[in-house]
Amino acid sequence: MQQFMIVAAAHFLALLSPGPDFFLIARTSLSTNWRTASGACLGIAVANGIFIVTAFAGTAVLQPDSVLFVALQLAGCTYLIYLGVLFIRFAGTNTLEEMPVSQGRNGLLAQQAIMWWRAAGIGFLSGILNPKNALFYASLAAMLTGPYASAGWKTIYGVWMFSIVLLWDVLVAIMIGNKAVLRRFAHALPWLERVSGGMLIVLALGVLAALLVR
């Protein structure tokens, strides 16, 4: 149980540090609502789940020096820059891309569904194209020793981590998407979006610079 607490604590502390996923959830929740942002939360959690299964299954295809891992880093950097540009370009609008306004209740529900699935897709890409996720879960898997490295315990770890990622991200979306918070940040939202977009671009350029100096 002590090892479980250590691994679980390390995993949760990593969630507390703002990264691309946090900026994506915050931006989506502020510009739309927490229900739409929950799509991004699920997409991010699914991407994390894939890395968890890969790491705990002992798959070593994403070694830091492998061609596949470098390709993932390049693809991730490209996507972060693209996402950052979108944040800046559409700062102050309701969605990442303009959508036609539908009339009637059915049209509104259909529009909300489209926005939710779009957020889920963007969230999945954000999570799966983040090479730090692969390294992080591989490091956690390497911490497992003795009876805690059994298939049963790995399943417990995997379910726990997936659940915590999803619940924490949804909590962040709900807190940021609170109506009082939205009213308070209504005028500042365009600048918050521009800052978030700039941060994503800086993160991507930092990873690219690290790749070039290897």
C-alpha atoms as a PDB file:
ATOM      1  CA  MET A   1       0.000   0.000   0.000  1.00  0.00           C
ATOM      2  CA  GLN A   2       2.900   2.379   0.669  1.00  0.00           C
ATOM      3  CA  GLN A   3       4.142   2.017  -2.904  1.00  0.00           C
ATOM      4  CA  PHE A   4       0.628   2.662  -4.213  1.00  0.00           C
ATOM      5  CA  MET A   5       0.454   5.895  -2.207  1.00  0.00           C
ATOM      6  CA  ILE A   6       3.846   7.024  -3.526  1.00  0.00           C
ATOM      7  CA  VAL A   7       2.940   6.366  -7.165  1.00  0.00           C
ATOM      8  CA  ALA A   8      -0.552   7.852  -6.760  1.00  0.00           C
ATOM      9  CA  ALA A   9       0.874  10.982  -5.103  1.00  0.00           C
ATOM     10  CA  ALA A  10       3.486  11.436  -7.841  1.00  0.00           C
ATOM     11  CA  HIS A  11       0.787  11.071 -10.470  1.00  0.00           C
ATOM     12  CA  PHE A  12      -1.534  13.597  -8.818  1.00  0.00           C
ATOM     13  CA  LEU A  13       1.240  16.138  -8.239  1.00  0.00           C
ATOM     14  CA  ALA A  14       2.052  15.943 -11.944  1.00  0.00           C
ATOM     15  CA  LEU A  15      -1.591  16.768 -12.708  1.00  0.00           C
ATOM     16  CA  LEU A  16      -1.323  19.952 -10.643  1.00  0.00           C
ATOM     17  CA  SER A  17       1.367  21.448 -12.885  1.00  0.00           C
ATOM     18  CA  PRO A  18      -0.190  23.471 -15.744  1.00  0.00           C
ATOM     19  CA  GLY A  19       0.563  22.137 -19.202  1.00  0.00           C
ATOM     20  CA  PRO A  20      -1.007  22.039 -22.687  1.00  0.00           C
ATOM     21  CA  ASP A  21      -3.974  20.017 -21.422  1.00  0.00           C
ATOM     22  CA  PHE A  22      -4.715  22.531 -18.667  1.00  0.00           C
ATOM     23  CA  PHE A  23      -4.634  25.474 -21.069  1.00  0.00           C
ATOM     24  CA  LEU A  24      -6.918  23.625 -23.482  1.00  0.00           C
ATOM     25  CA  ILE A  25      -9.474  22.807 -20.757  1.00  0.00           C
ATOM     26  CA  ALA A  26      -9.333  26.331 -19.331  1.00  0.00           C
ATOM     27  CA  ARG A  27      -9.782  27.976 -22.706  1.00  0.00           C
ATOM     28  CA  THR A  28     -12.638  25.687 -23.725  1.00  0.00           C
ATOM     29  CA  SER A  29     -14.455  26.088 -20.407  1.00  0.00           C
ATOM     30  CA  LEU A  30     -14.072  29.874 -20.361  1.00  0.00           C
ATOM     31  CA  SER A  31     -15.111  30.403 -23.965  1.00  0.00           C
ATOM     32  CA  THR A  32     -18.017  27.912 -23.990  1.00  0.00           C
ATOM     33  CA  ASN A  33     -19.017  26.103 -20.774  1.00  0.00           C
ATOM     34  CA  TRP A  34     -17.836  23.238 -18.586  1.00  0.00           C
ATOM     35  CA  ARG A  35     -20.140  20.737 -20.320  1.00  0.00           C
ATOM     36  CA  THR A  36     -18.420  21.318 -23.655  1.00  0.00           C
ATOM     37  CA  ALA A  37     -15.047  21.291 -21.900  1.00  0.00           C
ATOM     38  CA  SER A  38     -15.907  17.874 -20.440  1.00  0.00           C
ATOM     39  CA  GLY A  39     -15.464  16.542 -23.974  1.00  0.00           C
ATOM     40  CA  ALA A  40     -11.875  17.768 -23.955  1.00  0.00           C
ATOM     41  CA  CYS A  41     -11.447  16.196 -20.504  1.00  0.00           C
ATOM     42  CA  LEU A  42     -12.594  12.799 -21.772  1.00  0.00           C
ATOM     43  CA  GLY A  43     -10.367  13.022 -24.854  1.00  0.00           C
ATOM     44  CA  ILE A  44      -7.354  13.839 -22.679  1.00  0.00           C
ATOM     45  CA  ALA A  45      -8.188  10.992 -20.279  1.00  0.00           C
ATOM     46  CA  VAL A  46      -8.473   8.485 -23.147  1.00  0.00           C
ATOM     47  CA  ALA A  47      -5.077   9.588 -24.499  1.00  0.00           C
ATOM     48  CA  ASN A  48      -3.587   9.162 -21.032  1.00  0.00           C
ATOM     49  CA  GLY A  49      -5.233   5.745 -20.826  1.00  0.00           C
ATOM     50  CA  ILE A  50      -3.462   4.650 -23.996  1.00  0.00           C
ATOM     51  CA  PHE A  51      -0.098   5.695 -22.550  1.00  0.00           C
ATOM     52  CA  ILE A  52      -0.923   3.963 -19.260  1.00  0.00           C
ATOM     53  CA  VAL A  53      -1.765   0.677 -20.989  1.00  0.00           C
ATOM     54  CA  THR A  54       1.322   0.935 -23.198  1.00  0.00           C
ATOM     55  CA  ALA A  55       3.641   1.654 -20.260  1.00  0.00           C
ATOM     56  CA  PHE A  56       2.212  -0.993 -17.940  1.00  0.00           C
ATOM     57  CA  ALA A  57       2.148  -3.599 -20.695  1.00  0.00           C
ATOM     58  CA  GLY A  58       5.915  -3.214 -20.964  1.00  0.00           C
ATOM     59  CA  THR A  59       5.848  -1.845 -24.494  1.00  0.00           C
ATOM     60  CA  ALA A  60       9.138  -0.109 -25.244  1.00  0.00           C
ATOM     61  CA  VAL A  61       8.332   1.369 -28.653  1.00  0.00           C
ATOM     62  CA  LEU A  62       8.560   4.941 -27.330  1.00  0.00           C
ATOM     63  CA  GLN A  63      12.119   5.042 -26.059  1.00  0.00           C
ATOM     64  CA  PRO A  64      13.494   8.605 -25.870  1.00  0.00           C
ATOM     65  CA  ASP A  65      16.028   8.014 -28.655  1.00  0.00           C
ATOM     66  CA  SER A  66      13.743   6.034 -30.967  1.00  0.00           C
ATOM     67  CA  VAL A  67      12.633   7.384 -34.332  1.00  0.00           C
ATOM     68  CA  LEU A  68       8.983   6.941 -33.330  1.00  0.00           C
ATOM     69  CA  PHE A  69       9.421   9.010 -30.175  1.00  0.00           C
ATOM     70  CA  VAL A  70      11.194  11.824 -32.048  1.00  0.00           C
ATOM     71  CA  ALA A  71       8.411  11.754 -34.633  1.00  0.00           C
ATOM     72  CA  LEU A  72       5.865  12.018 -31.819  1.00  0.00           C
ATOM     73  CA  GLN A  73       7.701  15.012 -30.391  1.00  0.00           C
ATOM     74  CA  LEU A  74       7.771  16.762 -33.773  1.00  0.00           C
ATOM     75  CA  ALA A  75       4.097  16.037 -34.383  1.00  0.00           C
ATOM     76  CA  GLY A  76       3.271  17.234 -30.872  1.00  0.00           C
ATOM     77  CA  CYS A  77       5.202  20.482 -31.309  1.00  0.00           C
ATOM     78  CA  THR A  78       3.478  21.119 -34.628  1.00  0.00           C
ATOM     79  CA  TYR A  79       0.081  20.544 -33.048  1.00  0.00           C
ATOM     80  CA  LEU A  80       0.819  22.776 -30.044  1.00  0.00           C
ATOM     81  CA  ILE A  81       1.872  25.602 -32.359  1.00  0.00           C
ATOM     82  CA  TYR A  82      -1.305  25.076 -34.410  1.00  0.00           C
ATOM     83  CA  LEU A  83      -3.438  25.074 -31.254  1.00  0.00           C
ATOM     84  CA  GLY A  84      -1.658  28.170 -29.928  1.00  0.00           C
ATOM     85  CA  VAL A  85      -2.304  30.017 -33.189  1.00  0.00           C
ATOM     86  CA  LEU A  86      -5.982  29.030 -32.987  1.00  0.00           C
ATOM     87  CA  PHE A  87      -6.208  30.344 -29.422  1.00  0.00           C
ATOM     88  CA  ILE A  88      -4.732  33.686 -30.491  1.00  0.00           C
ATOM     89  CA  ARG A  89      -6.647  33.926 -33.760  1.00  0.00           C
ATOM     90  CA  PHE A  90     -10.059  33.177 -32.248  1.00  0.00           C
ATOM     91  CA  ALA A  91      -9.513  34.987 -28.948  1.00  0.00           C
ATOM     92  CA  GLY A  92     -12.825  36.323 -27.707  1.00  0.00           C
ATOM     93  CA  THR A  93     -15.010  34.062 -29.840  1.00  0.00           C
ATOM     94  CA  ASN A  94     -17.162  31.245 -28.485  1.00  0.00           C
ATOM     95  CA  THR A  95     -15.450  28.278 -30.172  1.00  0.00           C
ATOM     96  CA  LEU A  96     -12.105  27.339 -31.669  1.00  0.00           C
ATOM     97  CA  GLU A  97     -13.717  27.651 -35.066  1.00  0.00           C
ATOM     98  CA  GLU A  98     -16.727  29.616 -36.151  1.00  0.00           C
ATOM     99  CA  MET A  99     -19.921  27.565 -36.332  1.00  0.00           C
ATOM    100  CA  PRO A 100     -23.207  28.461 -37.995  1.00  0.00           C
ATOM    101  CA  VAL A 101     -25.933  29.365 -35.516  1.00  0.00           C
ATOM    102  CA  SER A 102     -28.713  26.782 -35.523  1.00  0.00           C
ATOM    103  CA  GLN A 103     -32.333  27.706 -34.810  1.00  0.00           C
ATOM    104  CA  GLY A 104     -34.657  25.838 -32.442  1.00  0.00           C
ATOM    105  CA  ARG A 105     -34.062  23.461 -29.570  1.00  0.00           C
ATOM    106  CA  ASN A 106     -33.079  20.520 -31.776  1.00  0.00           C
ATOM    107  CA  GLY A 107     -30.652  22.699 -33.678  1.00  0.00           C
ATOM    108  CA  LEU A 108     -29.122  23.971 -30.444  1.00  0.00           C
ATOM    109  CA  LEU A 109     -28.702  20.439 -29.075  1.00  0.00           C
ATOM    110  CA  ALA A 110     -27.108  19.333 -32.339  1.00  0.00           C
ATOM    111  CA  GLN A 111     -24.742  22.293 -32.232  1.00  0.00           C
ATOM    112  CA  GLN A 112     -23.788  21.538 -28.629  1.00  0.00           C
ATOM    113  CA  ALA A 113     -23.146  17.889 -29.549  1.00  0.00           C
ATOM    114  CA  ILE A 114     -20.874  18.940 -32.403  1.00  0.00           C
ATOM    115  CA  MET A 115     -18.967  21.277 -30.094  1.00  0.00           C
ATOM    116  CA  TRP A 116     -18.606  18.508 -27.465  1.00  0.00           C
ATOM    117  CA  TRP A 117     -17.238  15.971 -29.942  1.00  0.00           C
ATOM    118  CA  ARG A 118     -14.935  18.578 -31.451  1.00  0.00           C
ATOM    119  CA  ALA A 119     -13.579  19.374 -27.985  1.00  0.00           C
ATOM    120  CA  ALA A 120     -13.146  15.642 -27.315  1.00  0.00           C
ATOM    121  CA  GLY A 121     -11.132  15.229 -30.518  1.00  0.00           C
ATOM    122  CA  ILE A 122      -8.927  18.222 -29.750  1.00  0.00           C
ATOM    123  CA  GLY A 123      -8.421  16.965 -26.194  1.00  0.00           C
ATOM    124  CA  PHE A 124      -7.379  13.533 -27.445  1.00  0.00           C
ATOM    125  CA  LEU A 125      -4.873  15.036 -29.864  1.00  0.00           C
ATOM    126  CA  SER A 126      -3.497  17.273 -27.120  1.00  0.00           C
ATOM    127  CA  GLY A 127      -2.947  14.279 -24.841  1.00  0.00           C
ATOM    128  CA  ILE A 128      -1.681  11.756 -27.374  1.00  0.00           C
ATOM    129  CA  LEU A 129       0.745  14.193 -29.032  1.00  0.00           C
ATOM    130  CA  ASN A 130       2.343  15.167 -25.730  1.00  0.00           C
ATOM    131  CA  PRO A 131       5.567  13.089 -25.518  1.00  0.00           C
ATOM    132  CA  LYS A 132       5.942  13.991 -21.834  1.00  0.00           C
ATOM    133  CA  ASN A 133       2.942  11.777 -21.106  1.00  0.00           C
ATOM    134  CA  ALA A 134       4.735   8.760 -22.587  1.00  0.00           C
ATOM    135  CA  LEU A 135       7.871   9.388 -20.523  1.00  0.00           C
ATOM    136  CA  PHE A 136       5.901  10.107 -17.360  1.00  0.00           C
ATOM    137  CA  TYR A 137       3.890   6.894 -17.398  1.00  0.00           C
ATOM    138  CA  ALA A 138       6.924   4.865 -18.423  1.00  0.00           C
ATOM    139  CA  SER A 139       8.727   6.281 -15.375  1.00  0.00           C
ATOM    140  CA  LEU A 140       5.819   5.410 -13.081  1.00  0.00           C
ATOM    141  CA  ALA A 141       5.681   1.882 -14.479  1.00  0.00           C
ATOM    142  CA  ALA A 142       9.403   1.496 -13.748  1.00  0.00           C
ATOM    143  CA  MET A 143       8.709   2.314 -10.078  1.00  0.00           C
ATOM    144  CA  LEU A 144       6.572  -0.786  -9.659  1.00  0.00           C
ATOM    145  CA  THR A 145       8.417  -3.639  -7.974  1.00  0.00           C
ATOM    146  CA  GLY A 146       7.614  -6.908  -6.259  1.00  0.00           C
ATOM    147  CA  PRO A 147       3.942  -7.842  -5.860  1.00  0.00           C
ATOM    148  CA  TYR A 148       2.903  -4.369  -7.029  1.00  0.00           C
ATOM    149  CA  ALA A 149       4.164  -5.198 -10.526  1.00  0.00           C
ATOM    150  CA  SER A 150       1.572  -7.961 -10.987  1.00  0.00           C
ATOM    151  CA  ALA A 151      -1.148  -7.710 -13.633  1.00  0.00           C
ATOM    152  CA  GLY A 152      -3.781  -7.186 -10.953  1.00  0.00           C
ATOM    153  CA  TRP A 153      -2.009  -4.243  -9.362  1.00  0.00           C
ATOM    154  CA  LYS A 154      -1.224  -2.725 -12.760  1.00  0.00           C
ATOM    155  CA  THR A 155      -4.927  -2.856 -13.554  1.00  0.00           C
ATOM    156  CA  ILE A 156      -5.700  -1.081 -10.276  1.00  0.00           C
ATOM    157  CA  TYR A 157      -3.060   1.566 -11.017  1.00  0.00           C
ATOM    158  CA  GLY A 158      -4.364   2.044 -14.554  1.00  0.00           C
ATOM    159  CA  VAL A 159      -8.011   2.437 -13.529  1.00  0.00           C
ATOM    160  CA  TRP A 160      -7.022   4.777 -10.692  1.00  0.00           C
ATOM    161  CA  MET A 161      -4.871   7.023 -12.899  1.00  0.00           C
ATOM    162  CA  PHE A 162      -7.419   7.175 -15.713  1.00  0.00           C
ATOM    163  CA  SER A 163     -10.173   8.057 -13.232  1.00  0.00           C
ATOM    164  CA  ILE A 164      -8.102  10.703 -11.459  1.00  0.00           C
ATOM    165  CA  VAL A 165      -7.108  12.373 -14.745  1.00  0.00           C
ATOM    166  CA  LEU A 166     -10.740  12.501 -15.866  1.00  0.00           C
ATOM    167  CA  LEU A 167     -12.173  13.644 -12.521  1.00  0.00           C
ATOM    168  CA  TRP A 168      -9.496  16.288 -11.947  1.00  0.00           C
ATOM    169  CA  ASP A 169      -9.848  17.730 -15.449  1.00  0.00           C
ATOM    170  CA  VAL A 170     -13.643  17.855 -15.157  1.00  0.00           C
ATOM    171  CA  LEU A 171     -13.290  19.578 -11.759  1.00  0.00           C
ATOM    172  CA  VAL A 172     -10.978  22.164 -13.330  1.00  0.00           C
ATOM    173  CA  ALA A 173     -13.481  22.696 -16.163  1.00  0.00           C
ATOM    174  CA  ILE A 174     -16.371  23.137 -13.704  1.00  0.00           C
ATOM    175  CA  MET A 175     -14.456  25.571 -11.491  1.00  0.00           C
ATOM    176  CA  ILE A 176     -13.222  27.676 -14.417  1.00  0.00           C
ATOM    177  CA  GLY A 177     -16.584  27.483 -16.225  1.00  0.00           C
ATOM    178  CA  ASN A 178     -18.496  28.724 -13.178  1.00  0.00           C
ATOM    179  CA  LYS A 179     -20.851  31.570 -14.139  1.00  0.00           C
ATOM    180  CA  ALA A 180     -19.395  33.891 -11.511  1.00  0.00           C
ATOM    181  CA  VAL A 181     -15.909  33.222 -12.847  1.00  0.00           C
ATOM    182  CA  LEU A 182     -17.095  33.744 -16.415  1.00  0.00           C
ATOM    183  CA  ARG A 183     -18.640  37.107 -15.524  1.00  0.00           C
ATOM    184  CA  ARG A 184     -15.489  38.173 -13.725  1.00  0.00           C
ATOM    185  CA  PHE A 185     -13.223  37.197 -16.612  1.00  0.00           C
ATOM    186  CA  ALA A 186     -15.548  38.209 -19.459  1.00  0.00           C
ATOM    187  CA  HIS A 187     -13.498  41.268 -20.403  1.00  0.00           C
ATOM    188  CA  ALA A 188     -10.163  39.589 -19.751  1.00  0.00           C
ATOM    189  CA  LEU A 189     -10.995  36.386 -21.691  1.00  0.00           C
ATOM    190  CA  PRO A 190      -9.502  37.485 -25.048  1.00  0.00           C
ATOM    191  CA  TRP A 191      -6.193  38.307 -23.329  1.00  0.00           C
ATOM    192  CA  LEU A 192      -6.252  35.077 -21.326  1.00  0.00           C
ATOM    193  CA  GLU A 193      -6.728  33.181 -24.568  1.00  0.00           C
ATOM    194  CA  ARG A 194      -3.858  35.030 -26.219  1.00  0.00           C
ATOM    195  CA  VAL A 195      -1.597  34.328 -23.242  1.00  0.00           C
ATOM    196  CA  SER A 196      -2.586  30.648 -23.268  1.00  0.00           C
ATOM    197  CA  GLY A 197      -1.911  30.441 -26.995  1.00  0.00           C
ATOM    198  CA  GLY A 198       1.462  32.098 -26.503  1.00  0.00           C
ATOM    199  CA  MET A 199       2.350  29.645 -23.733  1.00  0.00           C
ATOM    200  CA  LEU A 200       1.537  26.673 -25.976  1.00  0.00           C
ATOM    201  CA  ILE A 201       3.741  28.065 -28.736  1.00  0.00           C
ATOM    202  CA  VAL A 202       6.589  28.707 -26.270  1.00  0.00           C
ATOM    203  CA  LEU A 203       6.300  25.133 -24.940  1.00  0.00           C
ATOM    204  CA  ALA A 204       6.477  23.758 -28.468  1.00  0.00           C
ATOM    205  CA  LEU A 205       9.484  25.904 -29.404  1.00  0.00           C
ATOM    206  CA  GLY A 206      11.221  24.814 -26.191  1.00  0.00           C
ATOM    207  CA  VAL A 207      10.848  21.139 -27.092  1.00  0.00           C
ATOM    208  CA  LEU A 208      12.055  21.826 -30.653  1.00  0.00           C
ATOM    209  CA  ALA A 209      15.095  23.659 -29.295  1.00  0.00           C
ATOM    210  CA  ALA A 210      15.880  20.705 -27.011  1.00  0.00           C
ATOM    211  CA  LEU A 211      15.696  18.352 -29.992  1.00  0.00           C
ATOM    212  CA  LEU A 212      18.073  20.523 -32.032  1.00  0.00           C
ATOM    213  CA  VAL A 213      20.774  20.684 -29.342  1.00  0.00           C
ATOM    214  CA  ARG A 214      20.910  16.903 -28.812  1.00  0.00           C
END
